Amino acid sequence: MGKLDGANVKILTLMQDNAALTADEIAEEVGLSASAVQKRLRQMRANGVIEREVAMVAPDVLGGVSLFLVNVQLISNKHNTIGAFRDLVGETEEVVQCFHITGAFDFCLLVAAKDTNAYEAFSNRMFTKDNYVARFETSVVLRSVKYGFALPLEQLLARR
């Protein structure tokens, strides 16, 4: 798919806010027919513009979930070490987000655990029983102030 036109940006913005909207609801907001919206959504899914659609579960309704931000420094910056750590993170359910970053650390993880005991078991398994991690630093999330995945499309795609 080439450049995103204004209608596609509006559709994506609405979908990022609520992926459960119907084509009729989106069409009303965007000023297109429902069939035109469906066609655009199909194209954006097929072209990888829409990578996936997920439900965001409110952690509070689960009876308590603790979130942890973990900065990880690897022993080596060699490609095989980075790849092995990426694979390990990809297979680990507690890691809900992972970023390969610049600076003193190599990765920043967002980890969800039932409580600090569960996090301790996770960190022992993840960071002390392999040859990848030199050190890690954990911050406990006290409160989520802003939590989401929506990209600011209009700002990112604004003409300069």
C-alpha atoms as a PDB file:
ATOM      1  CA  MET A   1       0.000   0.000   0.000  1.00  0.00           C
ATOM      2  CA  GLY A   2       1.331   3.397  -0.918  1.00  0.00           C
ATOM      3  CA  LYS A   3       0.773   6.522   1.106  1.00  0.00           C
ATOM      4  CA  LEU A   4      -2.133   6.583   3.473  1.00  0.00           C
ATOM      5  CA  ASP A   5      -4.772   9.056   2.361  1.00  0.00           C
ATOM      6  CA  GLY A   6      -6.860  11.114   4.771  1.00  0.00           C
ATOM      7  CA  ALA A   7      -9.703   8.608   4.844  1.00  0.00           C
ATOM      8  CA  ASN A   8      -7.356   5.735   5.717  1.00  0.00           C
ATOM      9  CA  VAL A   9      -5.751   7.817   8.480  1.00  0.00           C
ATOM     10  CA  LYS A  10      -9.217   8.536   9.924  1.00  0.00           C
ATOM     11  CA  ILE A  11     -10.181   4.856   9.693  1.00  0.00           C
ATOM     12  CA  LEU A  12      -6.961   3.793  11.422  1.00  0.00           C
ATOM     13  CA  THR A  13      -7.356   6.422  14.122  1.00  0.00           C
ATOM     14  CA  LEU A  14     -10.871   5.176  14.884  1.00  0.00           C
ATOM     15  CA  MET A  15      -9.735   1.528  14.813  1.00  0.00           C
ATOM     16  CA  GLN A  16      -6.855   2.250  17.190  1.00  0.00           C
ATOM     17  CA  ASP A  17      -9.320   3.716  19.657  1.00  0.00           C
ATOM     18  CA  ASN A  18     -11.898   0.941  19.281  1.00  0.00           C
ATOM     19  CA  ALA A  19     -11.299  -2.014  16.961  1.00  0.00           C
ATOM     20  CA  ALA A  20     -14.813  -3.291  17.666  1.00  0.00           C
ATOM     21  CA  LEU A  21     -16.408  -0.475  15.643  1.00  0.00           C
ATOM     22  CA  THR A  22     -18.516  -1.707  12.761  1.00  0.00           C
ATOM     23  CA  ALA A  23     -17.907  -0.618   9.176  1.00  0.00           C
ATOM     24  CA  ASP A  24     -21.192   1.315   9.385  1.00  0.00           C
ATOM     25  CA  GLU A  25     -20.011   3.237  12.455  1.00  0.00           C
ATOM     26  CA  ILE A  26     -16.661   4.026  10.859  1.00  0.00           C
ATOM     27  CA  ALA A  27     -18.311   5.016   7.581  1.00  0.00           C
ATOM     28  CA  GLU A  28     -20.519   7.518   9.389  1.00  0.00           C
ATOM     29  CA  GLU A  29     -17.474   9.167  11.009  1.00  0.00           C
ATOM     30  CA  VAL A  30     -15.307   9.137   7.878  1.00  0.00           C
ATOM     31  CA  GLY A  31     -17.915  10.021   5.265  1.00  0.00           C
ATOM     32  CA  LEU A  32     -17.587   6.871   3.160  1.00  0.00           C
ATOM     33  CA  SER A  33     -19.915   3.967   2.496  1.00  0.00           C
ATOM     34  CA  ALA A  34     -19.642   0.888   4.724  1.00  0.00           C
ATOM     35  CA  SER A  35     -18.502  -1.189   1.748  1.00  0.00           C
ATOM     36  CA  ALA A  36     -15.726   1.342   0.978  1.00  0.00           C
ATOM     37  CA  VAL A  37     -14.580   1.146   4.613  1.00  0.00           C
ATOM     38  CA  GLN A  38     -14.605  -2.671   4.491  1.00  0.00           C
ATOM     39  CA  LYS A  39     -12.545  -2.631   1.277  1.00  0.00           C
ATOM     40  CA  ARG A  40      -9.993  -0.232   2.768  1.00  0.00           C
ATOM     41  CA  LEU A  41      -9.737  -2.298   5.954  1.00  0.00           C
ATOM     42  CA  ARG A  42      -9.219  -5.485   3.901  1.00  0.00           C
ATOM     43  CA  GLN A  43      -6.448  -3.784   1.906  1.00  0.00           C
ATOM     44  CA  MET A  44      -4.744  -2.407   5.014  1.00  0.00           C
ATOM     45  CA  ARG A  45      -4.851  -5.830   6.679  1.00  0.00           C
ATOM     46  CA  ALA A  46      -3.525  -7.568   3.548  1.00  0.00           C
ATOM     47  CA  ASN A  47      -0.720  -5.013   3.151  1.00  0.00           C
ATOM     48  CA  GLY A  48       0.353  -5.225   6.791  1.00  0.00           C
ATOM     49  CA  VAL A  49      -0.682  -1.668   7.693  1.00  0.00           C
ATOM     50  CA  ILE A  50      -3.003  -3.227  10.277  1.00  0.00           C
ATOM     51  CA  GLU A  51      -0.746  -5.789  11.889  1.00  0.00           C
ATOM     52  CA  ARG A  52      -3.342  -7.259  14.251  1.00  0.00           C
ATOM     53  CA  GLU A  53      -6.360  -6.354  16.336  1.00  0.00           C
ATOM     54  CA  VAL A  54      -6.318  -7.134  20.031  1.00  0.00           C
ATOM     55  CA  ALA A  55      -8.439  -6.686  23.139  1.00  0.00           C
ATOM     56  CA  MET A  56      -6.852  -4.716  25.959  1.00  0.00           C
ATOM     57  CA  VAL A  57      -7.746  -6.331  29.285  1.00  0.00           C
ATOM     58  CA  ALA A  58      -8.034  -4.001  32.278  1.00  0.00           C
ATOM     59  CA  PRO A  59      -5.475  -5.314  34.805  1.00  0.00           C
ATOM     60  CA  ASP A  60      -7.549  -4.070  37.750  1.00  0.00           C
ATOM     61  CA  VAL A  61     -10.417  -6.463  36.987  1.00  0.00           C
ATOM     62  CA  LEU A  62      -8.079  -9.450  37.283  1.00  0.00           C
ATOM     63  CA  GLY A  63      -7.775  -9.027  41.030  1.00  0.00           C
ATOM     64  CA  GLY A  64      -4.382  -7.424  40.920  1.00  0.00           C
ATOM     65  CA  VAL A  65      -1.614  -7.489  38.383  1.00  0.00           C
ATOM     66  CA  SER A  66       1.779  -5.958  38.998  1.00  0.00           C
ATOM     67  CA  LEU A  67       3.722  -4.371  36.160  1.00  0.00           C
ATOM     68  CA  PHE A  68       7.486  -4.053  36.086  1.00  0.00           C
ATOM     69  CA  LEU A  69       9.789  -2.123  33.766  1.00  0.00           C
ATOM     70  CA  VAL A  70      13.036  -4.012  33.411  1.00  0.00           C
ATOM     71  CA  ASN A  71      16.181  -2.684  31.768  1.00  0.00           C
ATOM     72  CA  VAL A  72      18.485  -5.481  30.660  1.00  0.00           C
ATOM     73  CA  GLN A  73      22.160  -5.297  29.748  1.00  0.00           C
ATOM     74  CA  LEU A  74      23.509  -8.297  27.880  1.00  0.00           C
ATOM     75  CA  ILE A  75      26.938  -9.794  28.416  1.00  0.00           C
ATOM     76  CA  SER A  76      27.745  -9.296  24.741  1.00  0.00           C
ATOM     77  CA  ASN A  77      26.366  -7.218  21.906  1.00  0.00           C
ATOM     78  CA  LYS A  78      27.152  -9.964  19.427  1.00  0.00           C
ATOM     79  CA  HIS A  79      24.361 -10.757  17.004  1.00  0.00           C
ATOM     80  CA  ASN A  80      23.929 -14.330  18.270  1.00  0.00           C
ATOM     81  CA  THR A  81      23.521 -13.151  21.890  1.00  0.00           C
ATOM     82  CA  ILE A  82      20.994 -10.482  20.912  1.00  0.00           C
ATOM     83  CA  GLY A  83      19.106 -12.980  18.754  1.00  0.00           C
ATOM     84  CA  ALA A  84      19.067 -15.611  21.491  1.00  0.00           C
ATOM     85  CA  PHE A  85      17.749 -13.095  24.017  1.00  0.00           C
ATOM     86  CA  ARG A  86      15.076 -11.901  21.566  1.00  0.00           C
ATOM     87  CA  ASP A  87      14.006 -15.521  21.055  1.00  0.00           C
ATOM     88  CA  LEU A  88      13.866 -16.104  24.812  1.00  0.00           C
ATOM     89  CA  VAL A  89      11.759 -12.976  25.351  1.00  0.00           C
ATOM     90  CA  GLY A  90       9.458 -13.951  22.479  1.00  0.00           C
ATOM     91  CA  GLU A  91       8.714 -17.263  24.181  1.00  0.00           C
ATOM     92  CA  THR A  92       8.063 -15.725  27.610  1.00  0.00           C
ATOM     93  CA  GLU A  93       4.426 -14.921  28.384  1.00  0.00           C
ATOM     94  CA  GLU A  94       5.135 -12.527  31.251  1.00  0.00           C
ATOM     95  CA  VAL A  95       6.927 -10.152  28.887  1.00  0.00           C
ATOM     96  CA  VAL A  96       4.137  -8.108  27.339  1.00  0.00           C
ATOM     97  CA  GLN A  97       6.380  -5.604  25.551  1.00  0.00           C
ATOM     98  CA  CYS A  98      10.054  -5.635  24.651  1.00  0.00           C
ATOM     99  CA  PHE A  99      12.155  -2.891  23.116  1.00  0.00           C
ATOM    100  CA  HIS A 100      15.727  -3.187  21.835  1.00  0.00           C
ATOM    101  CA  ILE A 101      17.156   0.168  22.938  1.00  0.00           C
ATOM    102  CA  THR A 102      20.258   2.343  22.846  1.00  0.00           C
ATOM    103  CA  GLY A 103      22.189   3.542  25.869  1.00  0.00           C
ATOM    104  CA  ALA A 104      23.575   1.729  28.883  1.00  0.00           C
ATOM    105  CA  PHE A 105      21.046  -1.088  28.542  1.00  0.00           C
ATOM    106  CA  ASP A 106      20.230  -3.260  25.546  1.00  0.00           C
ATOM    107  CA  PHE A 107      16.557  -4.023  26.174  1.00  0.00           C
ATOM    108  CA  CYS A 108      13.622  -2.577  28.083  1.00  0.00           C
ATOM    109  CA  LEU A 109      10.843  -5.001  29.006  1.00  0.00           C
ATOM    110  CA  LEU A 110       7.349  -4.485  30.330  1.00  0.00           C
ATOM    111  CA  VAL A 111       6.596  -7.510  32.493  1.00  0.00           C
ATOM    112  CA  ALA A 112       3.242  -8.501  34.002  1.00  0.00           C
ATOM    113  CA  ALA A 113       3.171 -10.739  37.057  1.00  0.00           C
ATOM    114  CA  LYS A 114       0.622 -11.620  39.719  1.00  0.00           C
ATOM    115  CA  ASP A 115       2.757 -10.083  42.464  1.00  0.00           C
ATOM    116  CA  THR A 116       6.358  -9.476  43.520  1.00  0.00           C
ATOM    117  CA  ASN A 117       6.868 -13.148  44.394  1.00  0.00           C
ATOM    118  CA  ALA A 118       5.836 -14.152  40.880  1.00  0.00           C
ATOM    119  CA  TYR A 119       8.138 -11.451  39.464  1.00  0.00           C
ATOM    120  CA  GLU A 120      11.027 -12.758  41.560  1.00  0.00           C
ATOM    121  CA  ALA A 121      10.498 -16.262  40.167  1.00  0.00           C
ATOM    122  CA  PHE A 122      10.316 -14.798  36.646  1.00  0.00           C
ATOM    123  CA  SER A 123      13.523 -12.766  37.091  1.00  0.00           C
ATOM    124  CA  ASN A 124      15.408 -15.742  38.533  1.00  0.00           C
ATOM    125  CA  ARG A 125      14.347 -17.863  35.577  1.00  0.00           C
ATOM    126  CA  MET A 126      14.902 -15.150  32.982  1.00  0.00           C
ATOM    127  CA  PHE A 127      18.002 -13.293  34.070  1.00  0.00           C
ATOM    128  CA  THR A 128      20.155 -15.571  36.222  1.00  0.00           C
ATOM    129  CA  LYS A 129      19.979 -18.997  34.604  1.00  0.00           C
ATOM    130  CA  ASP A 130      21.481 -18.202  31.204  1.00  0.00           C
ATOM    131  CA  ASN A 131      24.657 -16.712  29.818  1.00  0.00           C
ATOM    132  CA  TYR A 132      23.038 -13.677  28.161  1.00  0.00           C
ATOM    133  CA  VAL A 133      22.372 -11.159  30.931  1.00  0.00           C
ATOM    134  CA  ALA A 134      25.150  -9.142  32.560  1.00  0.00           C
ATOM    135  CA  ARG A 135      22.783  -7.118  34.732  1.00  0.00           C
ATOM    136  CA  PHE A 136      19.220  -5.926  34.978  1.00  0.00           C
ATOM    137  CA  GLU A 137      17.395  -3.157  36.783  1.00  0.00           C
ATOM    138  CA  THR A 138      13.732  -3.333  37.777  1.00  0.00           C
ATOM    139  CA  SER A 139      11.246  -0.547  38.435  1.00  0.00           C
ATOM    140  CA  VAL A 140       7.837  -1.366  39.854  1.00  0.00           C
ATOM    141  CA  VAL A 141       4.964   0.421  38.125  1.00  0.00           C
ATOM    142  CA  LEU A 142       2.960   2.139  40.858  1.00  0.00           C
ATOM    143  CA  ARG A 143       0.185   3.373  38.575  1.00  0.00           C
ATOM    144  CA  SER A 144      -0.364   3.380  34.831  1.00  0.00           C
ATOM    145  CA  VAL A 145      -0.869   7.004  33.859  1.00  0.00           C
ATOM    146  CA  LYS A 146      -1.202   6.350  30.130  1.00  0.00           C
ATOM    147  CA  TYR A 147      -1.347   2.888  28.694  1.00  0.00           C
ATOM    148  CA  GLY A 148      -2.043   2.057  25.093  1.00  0.00           C
ATOM    149  CA  PHE A 149      -0.737   1.197  21.679  1.00  0.00           C
ATOM    150  CA  ALA A 150      -2.251   3.874  19.442  1.00  0.00           C
ATOM    151  CA  LEU A 151       0.205   5.760  17.258  1.00  0.00           C
ATOM    152  CA  PRO A 152      -0.414   9.510  16.793  1.00  0.00           C
ATOM    153  CA  LEU A 153      -1.080   9.084  13.076  1.00  0.00           C
ATOM    154  CA  GLU A 154      -1.978  12.645  12.177  1.00  0.00           C
ATOM    155  CA  GLN A 155       1.216  13.994  13.773  1.00  0.00           C
ATOM    156  CA  LEU A 156       3.420  11.258  12.312  1.00  0.00           C
ATOM    157  CA  LEU A 157       2.007  11.609   8.806  1.00  0.00           C
ATOM    158  CA  ALA A 158       1.697  15.406   8.747  1.00  0.00           C
ATOM    159  CA  ARG A 159       3.349  17.024   5.751  1.00  0.00           C
ATOM    160  CA  ARG A 160       6.373  19.066   6.641  1.00  0.00           C
END
